[in-house]
C-alpha atoms as a PDB file:
ATOM      1  CA  MET A   1       0.000   0.000   0.000  1.00  0.00           C
ATOM      2  CA  ASN A   2       3.015   2.291   0.490  1.00  0.00           C
ATOM      3  CA  ARG A   3       3.622   2.436  -3.255  1.00  0.00           C
ATOM      4  CA  VAL A   4       0.055   2.221  -4.527  1.00  0.00           C
ATOM      5  CA  ILE A   5      -1.184   5.629  -3.371  1.00  0.00           C
ATOM      6  CA  PRO A   6       1.834   7.606  -4.678  1.00  0.00           C
ATOM      7  CA  GLY A   7       1.619   5.651  -7.941  1.00  0.00           C
ATOM      8  CA  ILE A   8      -2.041   6.553  -8.387  1.00  0.00           C
ATOM      9  CA  LEU A   9      -1.337  10.202  -7.583  1.00  0.00           C
ATOM     10  CA  MET A  10       1.537  10.321 -10.061  1.00  0.00           C
ATOM     11  CA  ALA A  11      -0.601   8.675 -12.763  1.00  0.00           C
ATOM     12  CA  VAL A  12      -3.382  11.225 -12.240  1.00  0.00           C
ATOM     13  CA  GLY A  13      -0.855  14.080 -12.301  1.00  0.00           C
ATOM     14  CA  TRP A  14       0.722  12.705 -15.463  1.00  0.00           C
ATOM     15  CA  LEU A  15      -2.657  12.423 -17.207  1.00  0.00           C
ATOM     16  CA  LEU A  16      -3.576  15.965 -16.201  1.00  0.00           C
ATOM     17  CA  LEU A  17      -0.249  17.191 -17.513  1.00  0.00           C
ATOM     18  CA  LEU A  18      -0.687  15.229 -20.739  1.00  0.00           C
ATOM     19  CA  PHE A  19      -4.180  16.483 -21.531  1.00  0.00           C
ATOM     20  CA  GLN A  20      -4.277  19.924 -19.898  1.00  0.00           C
ATOM     21  CA  GLY A  21      -0.691  21.141 -19.648  1.00  0.00           C
ATOM     22  CA  PRO A  22       1.363  23.008 -22.220  1.00  0.00           C
ATOM     23  CA  PRO A  23       3.549  20.834 -24.491  1.00  0.00           C
ATOM     24  CA  LEU A  24       6.792  22.444 -23.306  1.00  0.00           C
ATOM     25  CA  LEU A  25       6.039  21.581 -19.668  1.00  0.00           C
ATOM     26  CA  PHE A  26       5.125  18.023 -20.652  1.00  0.00           C
ATOM     27  CA  TRP A  27       8.449  17.564 -22.475  1.00  0.00           C
ATOM     28  CA  ALA A  28      10.353  19.094 -19.548  1.00  0.00           C
ATOM     29  CA  VAL A  29       8.745  16.699 -17.069  1.00  0.00           C
ATOM     30  CA  MET A  30       9.322  13.700 -19.350  1.00  0.00           C
ATOM     31  CA  SER A  31      12.978  14.669 -19.899  1.00  0.00           C
ATOM     32  CA  GLY A  32      13.476  15.116 -16.167  1.00  0.00           C
ATOM     33  CA  GLY A  33      11.920  11.726 -15.446  1.00  0.00           C
ATOM     34  CA  ALA A  34      14.077  10.099 -18.107  1.00  0.00           C
ATOM     35  CA  GLY A  35      17.156  11.742 -16.577  1.00  0.00           C
ATOM     36  CA  VAL A  36      16.323  10.407 -13.117  1.00  0.00           C
ATOM     37  CA  ALA A  37      15.716   6.929 -14.527  1.00  0.00           C
ATOM     38  CA  LEU A  38      19.007   6.995 -16.435  1.00  0.00           C
ATOM     39  CA  HIS A  39      20.832   8.109 -13.302  1.00  0.00           C
ATOM     40  CA  GLU A  40      19.454   5.160 -11.337  1.00  0.00           C
ATOM     41  CA  VAL A  41      20.231   2.644 -14.072  1.00  0.00           C
ATOM     42  CA  PHE A  42      23.774   3.889 -14.587  1.00  0.00           C
ATOM     43  CA  ARG A  43      24.461   3.893 -10.845  1.00  0.00           C
ATOM     44  CA  MET A  44      23.400   0.210 -10.690  1.00  0.00           C
ATOM     45  CA  VAL A  45      24.951  -1.061 -13.918  1.00  0.00           C
ATOM     46  CA  MET A  46      28.040   1.074 -14.494  1.00  0.00           C
ATOM     47  CA  THR A  47      29.518   1.542 -11.066  1.00  0.00           C
ATOM     48  CA  SER A  48      32.790   2.773 -12.570  1.00  0.00           C
ATOM     49  CA  LEU A  49      31.118   5.998 -13.778  1.00  0.00           C
ATOM     50  CA  ARG A  50      31.571   8.746 -11.215  1.00  0.00           C
ATOM     51  CA  SER A  51      30.810  12.483 -10.939  1.00  0.00           C
ATOM     52  CA  TRP A  52      31.074  14.397 -14.211  1.00  0.00           C
ATOM     53  CA  ARG A  53      31.312  11.300 -16.423  1.00  0.00           C
ATOM     54  CA  LEU A  54      28.010  10.010 -15.065  1.00  0.00           C
ATOM     55  CA  TYR A  55      26.233  13.295 -15.720  1.00  0.00           C
ATOM     56  CA  ALA A  56      27.832  13.713 -19.154  1.00  0.00           C
ATOM     57  CA  THR A  57      26.598  10.241 -20.125  1.00  0.00           C
ATOM     58  CA  ILE A  58      23.083  11.076 -18.929  1.00  0.00           C
ATOM     59  CA  ILE A  59      23.041  14.325 -20.906  1.00  0.00           C
ATOM     60  CA  LEU A  60      24.253  12.532 -24.031  1.00  0.00           C
ATOM     61  CA  CYS A  61      21.559   9.882 -23.623  1.00  0.00           C
ATOM     62  CA  LEU A  62      18.897  12.587 -23.281  1.00  0.00           C
ATOM     63  CA  CYS A  63      19.903  14.303 -26.531  1.00  0.00           C
ATOM     64  CA  PRO A  64      17.570  12.164 -28.726  1.00  0.00           C
ATOM     65  CA  VAL A  65      14.677  12.842 -26.347  1.00  0.00           C
ATOM     66  CA  LEU A  66      15.297  16.568 -26.502  1.00  0.00           C
ATOM     67  CA  ALA A  67      15.838  16.469 -30.266  1.00  0.00           C
ATOM     68  CA  ALA A  68      12.426  14.827 -30.722  1.00  0.00           C
ATOM     69  CA  PHE A  69      10.847  17.942 -29.239  1.00  0.00           C
END
């Protein structure tokens, strides 16, 4: 139950943002979420990446997402 309520709230917020929010805000939120997800994955999988290399890799991986906008 600890994860169900926040998940429902985030889903409702995401749907409101998708249907009622401006496109630029939607893309900003999606890019931010993708950046957080990439950070978590890289911290688990590539433990050798540290500090600026980790963030440079995340920014490079987000370039196609930002280019799609």
